[in-house]
Amino acid sequence: MSKKKEAKKIVFNSEKEMPAAPMSLGSMLYNKTGAWRNIKPVIDLSRCIKCGICWKFCPDASIDIVDDWPQVNYDYCKGCGICAEECPQKCIAMVEEEK
């Protein structure tokens, strides 16, 4: 896997500096959206076949591959469940988030 890129925080001094329409403002590493979720994916690594499909389909790029194994980065995971739905082994369970 490639190394993670450094993130530069974008700060606007006023609303006049903000873009007129929604657009990507570079790295989303500062936009930790994990607090939005009420369910989270939990991977049973004993059943995982290391196919990488969960990593491939994650719309938030919140699944990393560490030593060939998938690992969820809960700072960015919104709990959409796409990884669990696409997993051919069904080894990802969507579990209620404990607050």
Protein backbone atom coordinates (compact mmCIF):
# COMPACT_ATOMS: atom_id res chain seq x y z
CA MET A 1 0.00 0.00 0.00
CA SER A 2 1.10 3.56 -0.53
CA LYS A 3 2.05 5.95 2.25
CA LYS A 4 -0.59 8.34 3.51
CA LYS A 5 -0.32 11.89 2.23
CA GLU A 6 0.13 14.88 4.47
CA ALA A 7 -3.03 16.94 4.89
CA LYS A 8 -3.12 20.71 4.76
CA LYS A 9 -5.94 22.32 6.67
CA ILE A 10 -7.94 24.88 4.67
CA VAL A 11 -9.21 27.79 6.75
CA PHE A 12 -11.51 30.57 5.56
CA ASN A 13 -11.34 33.91 7.36
CA SER A 14 -14.90 34.79 6.37
CA GLU A 15 -17.83 33.45 4.36
CA LYS A 16 -16.75 35.72 1.48
CA GLU A 17 -13.64 33.57 0.97
CA MET A 18 -15.68 30.38 0.69
CA PRO A 19 -16.47 28.97 -2.77
CA ALA A 20 -19.90 29.78 -4.24
CA ALA A 21 -20.72 26.11 -4.85
CA PRO A 22 -19.84 22.87 -3.03
CA MET A 23 -16.50 21.52 -4.17
CA SER A 24 -13.62 19.41 -2.96
CA LEU A 25 -11.15 21.47 -1.00
CA GLY A 26 -8.29 19.00 -1.07
CA SER A 27 -7.64 16.36 1.54
CA MET A 28 -10.51 15.14 3.69
CA LEU A 29 -8.11 13.98 6.42
CA TYR A 30 -9.29 16.89 8.58
CA ASN A 31 -12.95 16.02 8.06
CA LYS A 32 -13.33 13.17 10.55
CA THR A 33 -16.90 12.02 9.98
CA GLY A 34 -16.94 8.89 12.15
CA ALA A 35 -19.07 10.57 14.81
CA TRP A 36 -22.01 10.53 12.35
CA ARG A 37 -22.47 6.78 12.54
CA ASN A 38 -24.81 4.77 14.76
CA ILE A 39 -23.69 1.35 13.51
CA LYS A 40 -20.16 0.25 12.69
CA PRO A 41 -18.56 -2.56 10.71
CA VAL A 42 -16.68 -5.18 12.71
CA ILE A 43 -14.53 -7.59 10.70
CA ASP A 44 -14.16 -11.23 11.78
CA LEU A 45 -10.59 -11.78 10.59
CA SER A 46 -10.83 -15.53 11.22
CA ARG A 47 -13.27 -15.74 8.28
CA CYS A 48 -11.63 -13.07 6.08
CA ILE A 49 -9.99 -14.28 2.84
CA LYS A 50 -8.07 -11.00 2.25
CA CYS A 51 -9.85 -10.36 -1.05
CA GLY A 52 -9.86 -6.55 -0.59
CA ILE A 53 -13.43 -6.11 -1.78
CA CYS A 54 -14.39 -4.20 1.39
CA TRP A 55 -11.47 -1.82 0.76
CA LYS A 56 -12.41 -1.47 -2.90
CA PHE A 57 -16.07 -0.62 -2.31
CA CYS A 58 -15.74 1.66 0.75
CA PRO A 59 -16.98 5.08 -0.45
CA ASP A 60 -15.12 6.92 2.32
CA ALA A 61 -11.78 5.12 1.94
CA SER A 62 -12.01 4.27 5.64
CA ILE A 63 -10.75 0.70 5.25
CA ASP A 64 -6.99 0.34 5.20
CA ILE A 65 -5.03 -2.80 4.39
CA VAL A 66 -2.49 -3.43 7.17
CA ASP A 67 -0.20 -6.45 6.80
CA ASP A 68 -2.60 -7.80 4.14
CA TRP A 69 -5.62 -7.57 6.50
CA PRO A 70 -8.49 -5.06 6.29
CA GLN A 71 -8.71 -2.59 9.16
CA VAL A 72 -11.51 -0.06 9.61
CA ASN A 73 -10.49 3.52 10.40
CA TYR A 74 -13.42 4.54 12.59
CA ASP A 75 -12.41 8.23 12.46
CA TYR A 76 -13.80 8.34 8.90
CA CYS A 77 -16.27 5.42 8.67
CA LYS A 78 -19.88 6.63 8.48
CA GLY A 79 -21.38 3.15 8.97
CA CYS A 80 -23.01 2.88 5.55
CA GLY A 81 -22.65 -0.93 5.50
CA ILE A 82 -21.49 -1.23 1.89
CA CYS A 83 -18.41 -3.19 3.00
CA ALA A 84 -20.60 -5.72 4.84
CA GLU A 85 -22.99 -6.02 1.91
CA GLU A 86 -20.19 -6.62 -0.63
CA CYS A 87 -18.09 -9.03 1.47
CA PRO A 88 -18.23 -12.45 -0.24
CA GLN A 89 -17.47 -14.25 3.05
CA LYS A 90 -20.03 -12.20 5.03
CA CYS A 91 -17.39 -11.73 7.73
CA ILE A 92 -18.28 -8.07 8.34
CA ALA A 93 -21.07 -7.49 10.83
CA MET A 94 -22.76 -4.15 11.32
CA VAL A 95 -22.87 -3.61 15.09
CA GLU A 96 -24.70 -0.89 17.01
CA GLU A 97 -22.31 1.86 18.08
CA GLU A 98 -21.84 2.24 21.84
CA LYS A 99 -21.85 5.87 22.93
